[in-house]
Structure formats: C-alpha cells, structure tokens
Amino acid sequence: MRLIQALRDGEPYWPLPENWDMDGITITGHFVYTLSGTYLR
C-alpha cells in the first residue's frame, strides 16, 4: 500500500501534452521489497 500512497502523495499530476494524442501513458518500474530481511521482486 505504500506504493499507492506514494502515487497519491505526488498528485496533482500535469496533463499529458496535447501533441502526444493520447489520454494516458503506462509506466513500468522495477521495485524491490523487503519482508523480514528477505528481498522480493
């Protein structure tokens, strides 16, 4: 849930430039989580 909160904390986001001719964009990221000292990907 921290990722969702981080995204919400970054709001408001600027609209995409009109010349991109799209309503949204997909951003792919790499996240590494730790749980009791064990790394999860």
PDB file of N, CA and C in Angstrom:
ATOM      1  N   MET A   1       0.809  -1.204   0.000  1.00  0.00           N
ATOM      2  CA  MET A   1       0.000   0.000   0.000  1.00  0.00           C
ATOM      3  C   MET A   1       0.850   1.266   0.000  1.00  0.00           C
ATOM      4  N   ARG A   2       2.118   1.156   0.365  1.00  0.00           N
ATOM      5  CA  ARG A   2       2.969   2.346   0.381  1.00  0.00           C
ATOM      6  C   ARG A   2       3.157   2.912  -1.015  1.00  0.00           C
ATOM      7  N   LEU A   3       3.210   2.030  -2.033  1.00  0.00           N
ATOM      8  CA  LEU A   3       3.357   2.499  -3.412  1.00  0.00           C
ATOM      9  C   LEU A   3       2.153   3.333  -3.819  1.00  0.00           C
ATOM     10  N   ILE A   4       0.954   2.861  -3.498  1.00  0.00           N
ATOM     11  CA  ILE A   4      -0.267   3.599  -3.829  1.00  0.00           C
ATOM     12  C   ILE A   4      -0.259   4.945  -3.120  1.00  0.00           C
ATOM     13  N   GLN A   5       0.152   4.961  -1.868  1.00  0.00           N
ATOM     14  CA  GLN A   5       0.202   6.220  -1.125  1.00  0.00           C
ATOM     15  C   GLN A   5       1.241   7.160  -1.732  1.00  0.00           C
ATOM     16  N   ALA A   6       2.365   6.626  -2.171  1.00  0.00           N
ATOM     17  CA  ALA A   6       3.392   7.459  -2.808  1.00  0.00           C
ATOM     18  C   ALA A   6       2.857   8.094  -4.083  1.00  0.00           C
ATOM     19  N   LEU A   7       2.092   7.337  -4.863  1.00  0.00           N
ATOM     20  CA  LEU A   7       1.488   7.891  -6.077  1.00  0.00           C
ATOM     21  C   LEU A   7       0.477   8.984  -5.736  1.00  0.00           C
ATOM     22  N   ARG A   8      -0.307   8.754  -4.717  1.00  0.00           N
ATOM     23  CA  ARG A   8      -1.293   9.761  -4.302  1.00  0.00           C
ATOM     24  C   ARG A   8      -0.612  11.015  -3.756  1.00  0.00           C
ATOM     25  N   ASP A   9       0.497  10.827  -3.043  1.00  0.00           N
ATOM     26  CA  ASP A   9       1.222  11.971  -2.488  1.00  0.00           C
ATOM     27  C   ASP A   9       1.824  12.840  -3.591  1.00  0.00           C
ATOM     28  N   GLY A  10       2.047  12.273  -4.765  1.00  0.00           N
ATOM     29  CA  GLY A  10       2.618  13.017  -5.872  1.00  0.00           C
ATOM     30  C   GLY A  10       1.611  13.853  -6.642  1.00  0.00           C
ATOM     31  N   GLU A  11       0.340  13.698  -6.332  1.00  0.00           N
ATOM     32  CA  GLU A  11      -0.707  14.442  -7.031  1.00  0.00           C
ATOM     33  C   GLU A  11      -0.665  15.916  -6.668  1.00  0.00           C
ATOM     34  N   PRO A  12      -1.147  16.802  -7.464  1.00  0.00           N
ATOM     35  CA  PRO A  12      -1.769  16.565  -8.771  1.00  0.00           C
ATOM     36  C   PRO A  12      -0.697  16.435  -9.850  1.00  0.00           C
ATOM     37  N   TYR A  13      -1.007  15.623 -10.863  1.00  0.00           N
ATOM     38  CA  TYR A  13      -0.105  15.422 -11.985  1.00  0.00           C
ATOM     39  C   TYR A  13      -0.497  16.333 -13.134  1.00  0.00           C
ATOM     40  N   TRP A  14       0.502  16.776 -13.900  1.00  0.00           N
ATOM     41  CA  TRP A  14       0.239  17.620 -15.060  1.00  0.00           C
ATOM     42  C   TRP A  14      -0.419  16.795 -16.160  1.00  0.00           C
ATOM     43  N   PRO A  15      -1.288  17.396 -16.953  1.00  0.00           N
ATOM     44  CA  PRO A  15      -1.873  16.670 -18.085  1.00  0.00           C
ATOM     45  C   PRO A  15      -0.794  16.360 -19.130  1.00  0.00           C
ATOM     46  N   LEU A  16      -1.038  15.308 -19.917  1.00  0.00           N
ATOM     47  CA  LEU A  16      -0.114  14.977 -21.000  1.00  0.00           C
ATOM     48  C   LEU A  16      -0.166  16.063 -22.066  1.00  0.00           C
ATOM     49  N   PRO A  17       0.945  16.336 -22.735  1.00  0.00           N
ATOM     50  CA  PRO A  17       0.933  17.339 -23.805  1.00  0.00           C
ATOM     51  C   PRO A  17      -0.049  16.959 -24.908  1.00  0.00           C
ATOM     52  N   GLU A  18      -0.745  17.942 -25.464  1.00  0.00           N
ATOM     53  CA  GLU A  18      -1.751  17.679 -26.492  1.00  0.00           C
ATOM     54  C   GLU A  18      -1.166  16.995 -27.718  1.00  0.00           C
ATOM     55  N   ASN A  19       0.086  17.298 -28.062  1.00  0.00           N
ATOM     56  CA  ASN A  19       0.663  16.699 -29.263  1.00  0.00           C
ATOM     57  C   ASN A  19       1.004  15.219 -29.096  1.00  0.00           C
ATOM     58  N   TRP A  20       0.865  14.672 -27.885  1.00  0.00           N
ATOM     59  CA  TRP A  20       1.071  13.239 -27.676  1.00  0.00           C
ATOM     60  C   TRP A  20      -0.123  12.450 -28.192  1.00  0.00           C
ATOM     61  N   ASP A  21      -1.286  13.088 -28.314  1.00  0.00           N
ATOM     62  CA  ASP A  21      -2.501  12.479 -28.856  1.00  0.00           C
ATOM     63  C   ASP A  21      -2.886  11.180 -28.138  1.00  0.00           C
ATOM     64  N   MET A  22      -2.827  11.194 -26.808  1.00  0.00           N
ATOM     65  CA  MET A  22      -3.263  10.039 -26.020  1.00  0.00           C
ATOM     66  C   MET A  22      -3.798  10.526 -24.679  1.00  0.00           C
ATOM     67  N   ASP A  23      -4.663   9.718 -24.076  1.00  0.00           N
ATOM     68  CA  ASP A  23      -5.284  10.075 -22.802  1.00  0.00           C
ATOM     69  C   ASP A  23      -4.471   9.621 -21.593  1.00  0.00           C
ATOM     70  N   GLY A  24      -3.598   8.632 -21.785  1.00  0.00           N
ATOM     71  CA  GLY A  24      -2.830   8.090 -20.665  1.00  0.00           C
ATOM     72  C   GLY A  24      -1.533   7.492 -21.146  1.00  0.00           C
ATOM     73  N   ILE A  25      -0.704   7.119 -20.205  1.00  0.00           N
ATOM     74  CA  ILE A  25       0.590   6.520 -20.516  1.00  0.00           C
ATOM     75  C   ILE A  25       0.864   5.434 -19.477  1.00  0.00           C
ATOM     76  N   THR A  26       1.477   4.353 -19.897  1.00  0.00           N
ATOM     77  CA  THR A  26       1.840   3.268 -18.993  1.00  0.00           C
ATOM     78  C   THR A  26       3.306   3.401 -18.636  1.00  0.00           C
ATOM     79  N   ILE A  27       3.602   3.392 -17.356  1.00  0.00           N
ATOM     80  CA  ILE A  27       4.973   3.468 -16.874  1.00  0.00           C
ATOM     81  C   ILE A  27       5.283   2.166 -16.159  1.00  0.00           C
ATOM     82  N   THR A  28       6.337   1.501 -16.585  1.00  0.00           N
ATOM     83  CA  THR A  28       6.745   0.246 -15.979  1.00  0.00           C
ATOM     84  C   THR A  28       7.949   0.504 -15.095  1.00  0.00           C
ATOM     85  N   GLY A  29       7.904   0.002 -13.880  1.00  0.00           N
ATOM     86  CA  GLY A  29       9.005   0.214 -12.946  1.00  0.00           C
ATOM     87  C   GLY A  29       9.461  -1.095 -12.325  1.00  0.00           C
ATOM     88  N   HIS A  30      10.626  -1.071 -11.757  1.00  0.00           N
ATOM     89  CA  HIS A  30      11.191  -2.224 -11.068  1.00  0.00           C
ATOM     90  C   HIS A  30      11.214  -1.886  -9.576  1.00  0.00           C
ATOM     91  N   PHE A  31      10.583  -2.708  -8.800  1.00  0.00           N
ATOM     92  CA  PHE A  31      10.507  -2.472  -7.360  1.00  0.00           C
ATOM     93  C   PHE A  31      11.074  -3.671  -6.620  1.00  0.00           C
ATOM     94  N   VAL A  32      11.818  -3.413  -5.578  1.00  0.00           N
ATOM     95  CA  VAL A  32      12.346  -4.467  -4.715  1.00  0.00           C
ATOM     96  C   VAL A  32      11.783  -4.232  -3.327  1.00  0.00           C
ATOM     97  N   TYR A  33      11.126  -5.230  -2.785  1.00  0.00           N
ATOM     98  CA  TYR A  33      10.512  -5.139  -1.462  1.00  0.00           C
ATOM     99  C   TYR A  33      11.306  -5.993  -0.487  1.00  0.00           C
ATOM    100  N   THR A  34      11.321  -5.600   0.766  1.00  0.00           N
ATOM    101  CA  THR A  34      11.923  -6.440   1.792  1.00  0.00           C
ATOM    102  C   THR A  34      10.847  -6.829   2.796  1.00  0.00           C
ATOM    103  N   LEU A  35      10.895  -8.073   3.172  1.00  0.00           N
ATOM    104  CA  LEU A  35       9.945  -8.600   4.146  1.00  0.00           C
ATOM    105  C   LEU A  35      10.740  -9.446   5.126  1.00  0.00           C
ATOM    106  N   SER A  36      10.903  -8.967   6.321  1.00  0.00           N
ATOM    107  CA  SER A  36      11.684  -9.654   7.360  1.00  0.00           C
ATOM    108  C   SER A  36      13.100  -9.971   6.876  1.00  0.00           C
ATOM    109  N   GLY A  37      13.713  -9.028   6.168  1.00  0.00           N
ATOM    110  CA  GLY A  37      15.082  -9.223   5.702  1.00  0.00           C
ATOM    111  C   GLY A  37      15.229 -10.010   4.416  1.00  0.00           C
ATOM    112  N   THR A  38      14.115 -10.478   3.833  1.00  0.00           N
ATOM    113  CA  THR A  38      14.137 -11.220   2.582  1.00  0.00           C
ATOM    114  C   THR A  38      13.704 -10.295   1.454  1.00  0.00           C
ATOM    115  N   TYR A  39      14.472 -10.289   0.368  1.00  0.00           N
ATOM    116  CA  TYR A  39      14.129  -9.444  -0.775  1.00  0.00           C
ATOM    117  C   TYR A  39      13.131 -10.140  -1.672  1.00  0.00           C
ATOM    118  N   LEU A  40      12.115  -9.396  -2.103  1.00  0.00           N
ATOM    119  CA  LEU A  40      11.094  -9.908  -3.019  1.00  0.00           C
ATOM    120  C   LEU A  40      11.096  -9.056  -4.265  1.00  0.00           C
ATOM    121  N   ARG A  41      11.009  -9.678  -5.420  1.00  0.00           N
ATOM    122  CA  ARG A  41      10.943  -8.931  -6.688  1.00  0.00           C
ATOM    123  C   ARG A  41       9.640  -9.223  -7.384  1.00  0.00           C
TER     124      ARG A  41
END
